[in-house]
Amino acid sequence: MTTRSVLSLALVLGLALIFAAPALAEDVSFKAVEKDGAKVWEGGGTIDSKMPVMIKVNNTLAAEHGFSIDSMGVKDVIKPGEEKTITVSPDKIDKNVKEHRVYCQLHPKHVAGTIKVK
């Protein structure tokens, strides 16, 4: 087998492993924005509650905002301009909930978002 053949085979096998590998975590993202005069956690997604969830949060507003998901045990405060990733392990996700409410615990009138379960 030539060097070129070996390299080609290695490339094909490497790509096969990358595309066949199961996901390590479910990703969703939220951004604090203002729409029509209302503050909103915009974003969301659909997750598998048996896998870890990585939630990317970005506060684009001028004030700090809460980021809470009671059914996942998440309660945080995101500073103005801050971006952070919150990881939730499967054992923290309430398996009885099919739509997780995402809200600002600091400002109850802000519009909530959701994360759905597959």
N, C-alpha and C. Protein backbone atom coordinates (compact mmCIF):
# COMPACT_ATOMS: atom_id res chain seq x y z
N MET A 1 0.85 -1.17 0.00
CA MET A 1 0.00 0.00 0.00
C MET A 1 0.90 1.24 0.00
N THR A 2 0.56 2.18 -0.83
CA THR A 2 1.38 3.40 -0.93
C THR A 2 1.04 4.36 0.20
N THR A 3 1.93 5.31 0.40
CA THR A 3 1.71 6.33 1.43
C THR A 3 0.43 7.10 1.15
N ARG A 4 0.20 7.38 -0.11
CA ARG A 4 -1.01 8.12 -0.50
C ARG A 4 -2.27 7.32 -0.15
N SER A 5 -2.26 6.04 -0.38
CA SER A 5 -3.40 5.18 -0.07
C SER A 5 -3.66 5.14 1.43
N VAL A 6 -2.58 5.04 2.20
CA VAL A 6 -2.71 5.01 3.66
C VAL A 6 -3.31 6.33 4.17
N LEU A 7 -2.82 7.44 3.64
CA LEU A 7 -3.34 8.74 4.07
C LEU A 7 -4.81 8.90 3.67
N SER A 8 -5.17 8.46 2.49
CA SER A 8 -6.56 8.54 2.03
C SER A 8 -7.46 7.71 2.92
N LEU A 9 -7.02 6.49 3.25
CA LEU A 9 -7.80 5.61 4.12
C LEU A 9 -7.96 6.23 5.50
N ALA A 10 -6.89 6.80 6.03
CA ALA A 10 -6.95 7.45 7.35
C ALA A 10 -7.92 8.61 7.34
N LEU A 11 -7.92 9.40 6.27
CA LEU A 11 -8.84 10.53 6.16
C LEU A 11 -10.29 10.05 6.13
N VAL A 12 -10.57 9.03 5.34
CA VAL A 12 -11.94 8.50 5.24
C VAL A 12 -12.39 7.94 6.58
N LEU A 13 -11.55 7.18 7.25
CA LEU A 13 -11.92 6.61 8.56
C LEU A 13 -12.11 7.71 9.60
N GLY A 14 -11.25 8.72 9.58
CA GLY A 14 -11.39 9.84 10.52
C GLY A 14 -12.70 10.58 10.33
N LEU A 15 -13.07 10.85 9.09
CA LEU A 15 -14.34 11.52 8.81
C LEU A 15 -15.51 10.66 9.23
N ALA A 16 -15.42 9.36 9.00
CA ALA A 16 -16.50 8.45 9.39
C ALA A 16 -16.71 8.48 10.90
N LEU A 17 -15.61 8.50 11.65
CA LEU A 17 -15.73 8.55 13.11
C LEU A 17 -16.34 9.86 13.58
N ILE A 18 -15.95 10.95 12.97
CA ILE A 18 -16.48 12.27 13.36
C ILE A 18 -17.98 12.33 13.14
N PHE A 19 -18.45 11.88 11.98
CA PHE A 19 -19.86 11.99 11.65
C PHE A 19 -20.70 10.90 12.30
N ALA A 20 -20.10 9.81 12.72
CA ALA A 20 -20.85 8.73 13.34
C ALA A 20 -20.88 8.84 14.86
N ALA A 21 -20.03 9.67 15.42
CA ALA A 21 -19.94 9.79 16.87
C ALA A 21 -21.21 10.43 17.44
N PRO A 22 -21.73 9.89 18.54
CA PRO A 22 -22.92 10.50 19.16
C PRO A 22 -22.57 11.85 19.76
N ALA A 23 -23.56 12.71 19.82
CA ALA A 23 -23.37 14.03 20.42
C ALA A 23 -23.06 13.88 21.90
N LEU A 24 -22.21 14.74 22.42
CA LEU A 24 -21.84 14.68 23.83
C LEU A 24 -22.76 15.51 24.69
N ALA A 25 -23.44 16.48 24.09
CA ALA A 25 -24.36 17.33 24.83
C ALA A 25 -25.32 17.99 23.84
N GLU A 26 -26.47 18.36 24.34
CA GLU A 26 -27.44 19.10 23.54
C GLU A 26 -27.15 20.58 23.75
N ASP A 27 -27.18 21.37 22.67
CA ASP A 27 -26.92 22.80 22.77
C ASP A 27 -28.18 23.61 22.49
N VAL A 28 -28.42 24.60 23.34
CA VAL A 28 -29.47 25.59 23.09
C VAL A 28 -28.87 26.94 23.43
N SER A 29 -29.45 27.99 22.89
CA SER A 29 -28.93 29.33 23.20
C SER A 29 -30.06 30.31 23.41
N PHE A 30 -29.77 31.31 24.24
CA PHE A 30 -30.71 32.37 24.54
C PHE A 30 -29.97 33.70 24.53
N LYS A 31 -30.69 34.74 24.10
CA LYS A 31 -30.15 36.08 24.06
C LYS A 31 -31.18 37.02 24.67
N ALA A 32 -30.76 37.84 25.63
CA ALA A 32 -31.65 38.85 26.22
C ALA A 32 -31.72 40.02 25.25
N VAL A 33 -32.92 40.28 24.75
CA VAL A 33 -33.12 41.37 23.79
C VAL A 33 -34.39 42.13 24.15
N GLU A 34 -34.57 43.28 23.51
CA GLU A 34 -35.80 44.04 23.67
C GLU A 34 -36.55 44.01 22.35
N LYS A 35 -37.83 43.61 22.41
CA LYS A 35 -38.69 43.56 21.22
C LYS A 35 -40.00 44.26 21.53
N ASP A 36 -40.33 45.24 20.73
CA ASP A 36 -41.58 45.98 20.90
C ASP A 36 -41.76 46.47 22.33
N GLY A 37 -40.67 46.93 22.95
CA GLY A 37 -40.72 47.49 24.30
C GLY A 37 -40.69 46.45 25.41
N ALA A 38 -40.64 45.16 25.06
CA ALA A 38 -40.61 44.10 26.07
C ALA A 38 -39.25 43.43 26.08
N LYS A 39 -38.74 43.12 27.28
CA LYS A 39 -37.50 42.37 27.42
C LYS A 39 -37.83 40.89 27.27
N VAL A 40 -37.02 40.19 26.48
CA VAL A 40 -37.33 38.80 26.12
C VAL A 40 -36.06 37.95 26.17
N TRP A 41 -36.18 36.72 26.67
CA TRP A 41 -35.12 35.73 26.47
C TRP A 41 -35.45 35.05 25.16
N GLU A 42 -34.78 35.48 24.09
CA GLU A 42 -35.04 34.96 22.75
C GLU A 42 -34.14 33.75 22.50
N GLY A 43 -34.72 32.72 21.89
CA GLY A 43 -33.94 31.53 21.56
C GLY A 43 -34.66 30.29 22.03
N GLY A 44 -33.88 29.30 22.39
CA GLY A 44 -34.45 28.04 22.84
C GLY A 44 -33.98 26.89 21.97
N GLY A 45 -34.75 25.84 21.97
CA GLY A 45 -34.40 24.66 21.19
C GLY A 45 -35.07 23.44 21.76
N THR A 46 -34.69 22.30 21.22
CA THR A 46 -35.23 21.01 21.64
C THR A 46 -34.08 20.14 22.13
N ILE A 47 -34.29 19.49 23.26
CA ILE A 47 -33.23 18.69 23.87
C ILE A 47 -33.68 17.25 24.09
N ASP A 48 -32.71 16.39 24.35
CA ASP A 48 -32.94 15.04 24.83
C ASP A 48 -32.62 15.09 26.32
N SER A 49 -33.59 14.85 27.17
CA SER A 49 -33.38 15.01 28.61
C SER A 49 -32.46 13.95 29.21
N LYS A 50 -32.02 12.98 28.40
CA LYS A 50 -31.09 11.95 28.89
C LYS A 50 -29.64 12.36 28.68
N MET A 51 -29.43 13.53 28.05
CA MET A 51 -28.08 14.01 27.76
C MET A 51 -27.82 15.33 28.47
N PRO A 52 -26.54 15.66 28.74
CA PRO A 52 -26.23 16.98 29.29
C PRO A 52 -26.69 18.07 28.32
N VAL A 53 -27.05 19.23 28.86
CA VAL A 53 -27.49 20.35 28.04
C VAL A 53 -26.53 21.51 28.28
N MET A 54 -26.01 22.06 27.18
CA MET A 54 -25.16 23.26 27.26
C MET A 54 -26.00 24.43 26.79
N ILE A 55 -26.24 25.38 27.70
CA ILE A 55 -27.07 26.54 27.40
C ILE A 55 -26.16 27.75 27.26
N LYS A 56 -26.12 28.31 26.07
CA LYS A 56 -25.33 29.51 25.81
C LYS A 56 -26.23 30.72 26.02
N VAL A 57 -25.81 31.61 26.92
CA VAL A 57 -26.63 32.75 27.31
C VAL A 57 -25.86 34.04 27.02
N ASN A 58 -26.54 35.00 26.40
CA ASN A 58 -25.92 36.27 26.04
C ASN A 58 -26.88 37.40 26.42
N ASN A 59 -26.41 38.30 27.27
CA ASN A 59 -27.21 39.46 27.67
C ASN A 59 -26.76 40.66 26.85
N THR A 60 -27.55 41.05 25.86
CA THR A 60 -27.20 42.19 25.01
C THR A 60 -27.74 43.51 25.56
N LEU A 61 -28.44 43.45 26.68
CA LEU A 61 -29.09 44.65 27.23
C LEU A 61 -28.17 45.40 28.20
N ALA A 62 -28.60 46.60 28.59
CA ALA A 62 -27.78 47.48 29.42
C ALA A 62 -27.86 47.18 30.92
N ALA A 63 -28.76 46.30 31.34
CA ALA A 63 -28.90 45.96 32.76
C ALA A 63 -28.71 44.45 32.94
N GLU A 64 -28.39 44.04 34.17
CA GLU A 64 -28.28 42.61 34.41
C GLU A 64 -29.67 41.98 34.41
N HIS A 65 -29.71 40.71 34.02
CA HIS A 65 -30.97 39.98 33.95
C HIS A 65 -30.80 38.59 34.52
N GLY A 66 -31.86 38.13 35.15
CA GLY A 66 -31.84 36.79 35.70
C GLY A 66 -32.06 35.77 34.59
N PHE A 67 -31.54 34.56 34.84
CA PHE A 67 -31.74 33.45 33.91
C PHE A 67 -32.05 32.23 34.77
N SER A 68 -33.32 31.83 34.76
CA SER A 68 -33.75 30.72 35.61
C SER A 68 -34.54 29.69 34.83
N ILE A 69 -34.30 28.43 35.20
CA ILE A 69 -35.09 27.30 34.69
C ILE A 69 -35.31 26.41 35.91
N ASP A 70 -36.46 26.56 36.55
CA ASP A 70 -36.73 25.83 37.79
C ASP A 70 -36.63 24.32 37.61
N SER A 71 -37.14 23.80 36.48
CA SER A 71 -37.19 22.35 36.25
C SER A 71 -35.82 21.76 35.90
N MET A 72 -34.78 22.61 35.86
CA MET A 72 -33.41 22.14 35.63
C MET A 72 -32.46 22.60 36.73
N GLY A 73 -33.01 23.28 37.75
CA GLY A 73 -32.18 23.77 38.85
C GLY A 73 -31.23 24.89 38.46
N VAL A 74 -31.61 25.71 37.47
CA VAL A 74 -30.75 26.80 37.01
C VAL A 74 -31.26 28.13 37.57
N LYS A 75 -30.36 28.89 38.16
CA LYS A 75 -30.69 30.24 38.63
C LYS A 75 -29.40 31.04 38.60
N ASP A 76 -29.34 32.01 37.71
CA ASP A 76 -28.11 32.77 37.52
C ASP A 76 -28.46 34.23 37.23
N VAL A 77 -27.46 35.08 37.29
CA VAL A 77 -27.62 36.49 36.91
C VAL A 77 -26.57 36.77 35.84
N ILE A 78 -27.03 37.31 34.71
CA ILE A 78 -26.16 37.59 33.58
C ILE A 78 -25.96 39.11 33.50
N LYS A 79 -24.72 39.53 33.58
CA LYS A 79 -24.40 40.97 33.56
C LYS A 79 -24.55 41.54 32.14
N PRO A 80 -24.68 42.86 32.03
CA PRO A 80 -24.78 43.49 30.71
C PRO A 80 -23.58 43.12 29.83
N GLY A 81 -23.85 42.68 28.61
CA GLY A 81 -22.80 42.31 27.67
C GLY A 81 -22.15 40.97 27.93
N GLU A 82 -22.55 40.29 28.99
CA GLU A 82 -21.92 39.02 29.35
C GLU A 82 -22.46 37.86 28.51
N GLU A 83 -21.57 36.96 28.17
CA GLU A 83 -21.93 35.69 27.53
C GLU A 83 -21.40 34.59 28.43
N LYS A 84 -22.21 33.57 28.66
CA LYS A 84 -21.73 32.45 29.46
C LYS A 84 -22.41 31.18 29.01
N THR A 85 -21.80 30.06 29.35
CA THR A 85 -22.37 28.76 29.05
C THR A 85 -22.70 28.08 30.37
N ILE A 86 -23.93 27.62 30.46
CA ILE A 86 -24.40 26.91 31.65
C ILE A 86 -24.63 25.46 31.24
N THR A 87 -23.99 24.53 31.94
CA THR A 87 -24.15 23.11 31.63
C THR A 87 -25.05 22.46 32.68
N VAL A 88 -26.05 21.73 32.19
CA VAL A 88 -26.99 21.04 33.08
C VAL A 88 -26.86 19.54 32.83
N SER A 89 -26.55 18.80 33.88
CA SER A 89 -26.43 17.34 33.75
C SER A 89 -27.82 16.71 33.71
N PRO A 90 -27.94 15.54 33.09
CA PRO A 90 -29.25 14.89 32.95
C PRO A 90 -29.97 14.65 34.28
N ASP A 91 -29.21 14.39 35.35
CA ASP A 91 -29.85 14.13 36.65
C ASP A 91 -30.51 15.37 37.24
N LYS A 92 -30.20 16.55 36.72
CA LYS A 92 -30.82 17.80 37.20
C LYS A 92 -32.08 18.17 36.41
N ILE A 93 -32.35 17.46 35.31
CA ILE A 93 -33.48 17.78 34.44
C ILE A 93 -34.71 17.00 34.89
N ASP A 94 -35.79 17.71 35.21
CA ASP A 94 -37.05 17.07 35.61
C ASP A 94 -37.62 16.32 34.41
N LYS A 95 -37.64 14.99 34.50
CA LYS A 95 -38.09 14.14 33.38
C LYS A 95 -39.60 14.22 33.14
N ASN A 96 -40.35 14.78 34.07
CA ASN A 96 -41.80 14.91 33.90
C ASN A 96 -42.19 16.15 33.10
N VAL A 97 -41.23 17.04 32.85
CA VAL A 97 -41.50 18.30 32.16
C VAL A 97 -41.14 18.15 30.69
N LYS A 98 -42.06 18.52 29.82
CA LYS A 98 -41.83 18.43 28.36
C LYS A 98 -41.52 19.80 27.75
N GLU A 99 -41.77 20.87 28.51
CA GLU A 99 -41.46 22.22 28.06
C GLU A 99 -40.95 23.01 29.26
N HIS A 100 -39.65 23.28 29.27
CA HIS A 100 -39.01 23.95 30.40
C HIS A 100 -39.10 25.47 30.23
N ARG A 101 -39.62 26.15 31.23
CA ARG A 101 -39.80 27.61 31.19
C ARG A 101 -38.50 28.31 31.57
N VAL A 102 -38.04 29.22 30.72
CA VAL A 102 -36.84 30.01 30.93
C VAL A 102 -37.30 31.44 31.21
N TYR A 103 -36.91 32.00 32.36
CA TYR A 103 -37.42 33.33 32.71
C TYR A 103 -36.39 34.13 33.50
N CYS A 104 -36.65 35.42 33.63
CA CYS A 104 -35.81 36.33 34.41
C CYS A 104 -36.40 36.44 35.82
N GLN A 105 -35.72 35.88 36.79
CA GLN A 105 -36.21 35.94 38.17
C GLN A 105 -36.09 37.34 38.78
N LEU A 106 -35.31 38.22 38.16
CA LEU A 106 -35.15 39.59 38.66
C LEU A 106 -36.26 40.52 38.19
N HIS A 107 -36.84 40.20 37.04
CA HIS A 107 -37.87 41.04 36.42
C HIS A 107 -39.02 40.14 35.96
N PRO A 108 -39.96 39.82 36.82
CA PRO A 108 -41.03 38.86 36.50
C PRO A 108 -41.89 39.23 35.29
N LYS A 109 -41.94 40.49 34.92
CA LYS A 109 -42.79 40.88 33.79
C LYS A 109 -42.13 40.62 32.43
N HIS A 110 -40.84 40.29 32.43
CA HIS A 110 -40.17 40.01 31.17
C HIS A 110 -40.74 38.74 30.54
N VAL A 111 -40.70 38.66 29.22
CA VAL A 111 -41.28 37.53 28.49
C VAL A 111 -40.37 36.31 28.64
N ALA A 112 -40.97 35.19 29.00
CA ALA A 112 -40.22 33.94 29.22
C ALA A 112 -40.00 33.22 27.89
N GLY A 113 -39.02 32.33 27.89
CA GLY A 113 -38.74 31.46 26.75
C GLY A 113 -38.95 30.02 27.15
N THR A 114 -38.69 29.10 26.24
CA THR A 114 -38.88 27.69 26.55
C THR A 114 -37.78 26.83 25.92
N ILE A 115 -37.56 25.68 26.55
CA ILE A 115 -36.75 24.61 25.99
C ILE A 115 -37.66 23.40 25.94
N LYS A 116 -37.80 22.80 24.77
CA LYS A 116 -38.68 21.63 24.62
C LYS A 116 -37.87 20.35 24.68
N VAL A 117 -38.55 19.27 25.04
CA VAL A 117 -37.93 17.94 25.12
C VAL A 117 -38.41 17.10 23.95
N LYS A 118 -37.47 16.39 23.34
CA LYS A 118 -37.81 15.49 22.20
C LYS A 118 -38.76 14.41 22.65
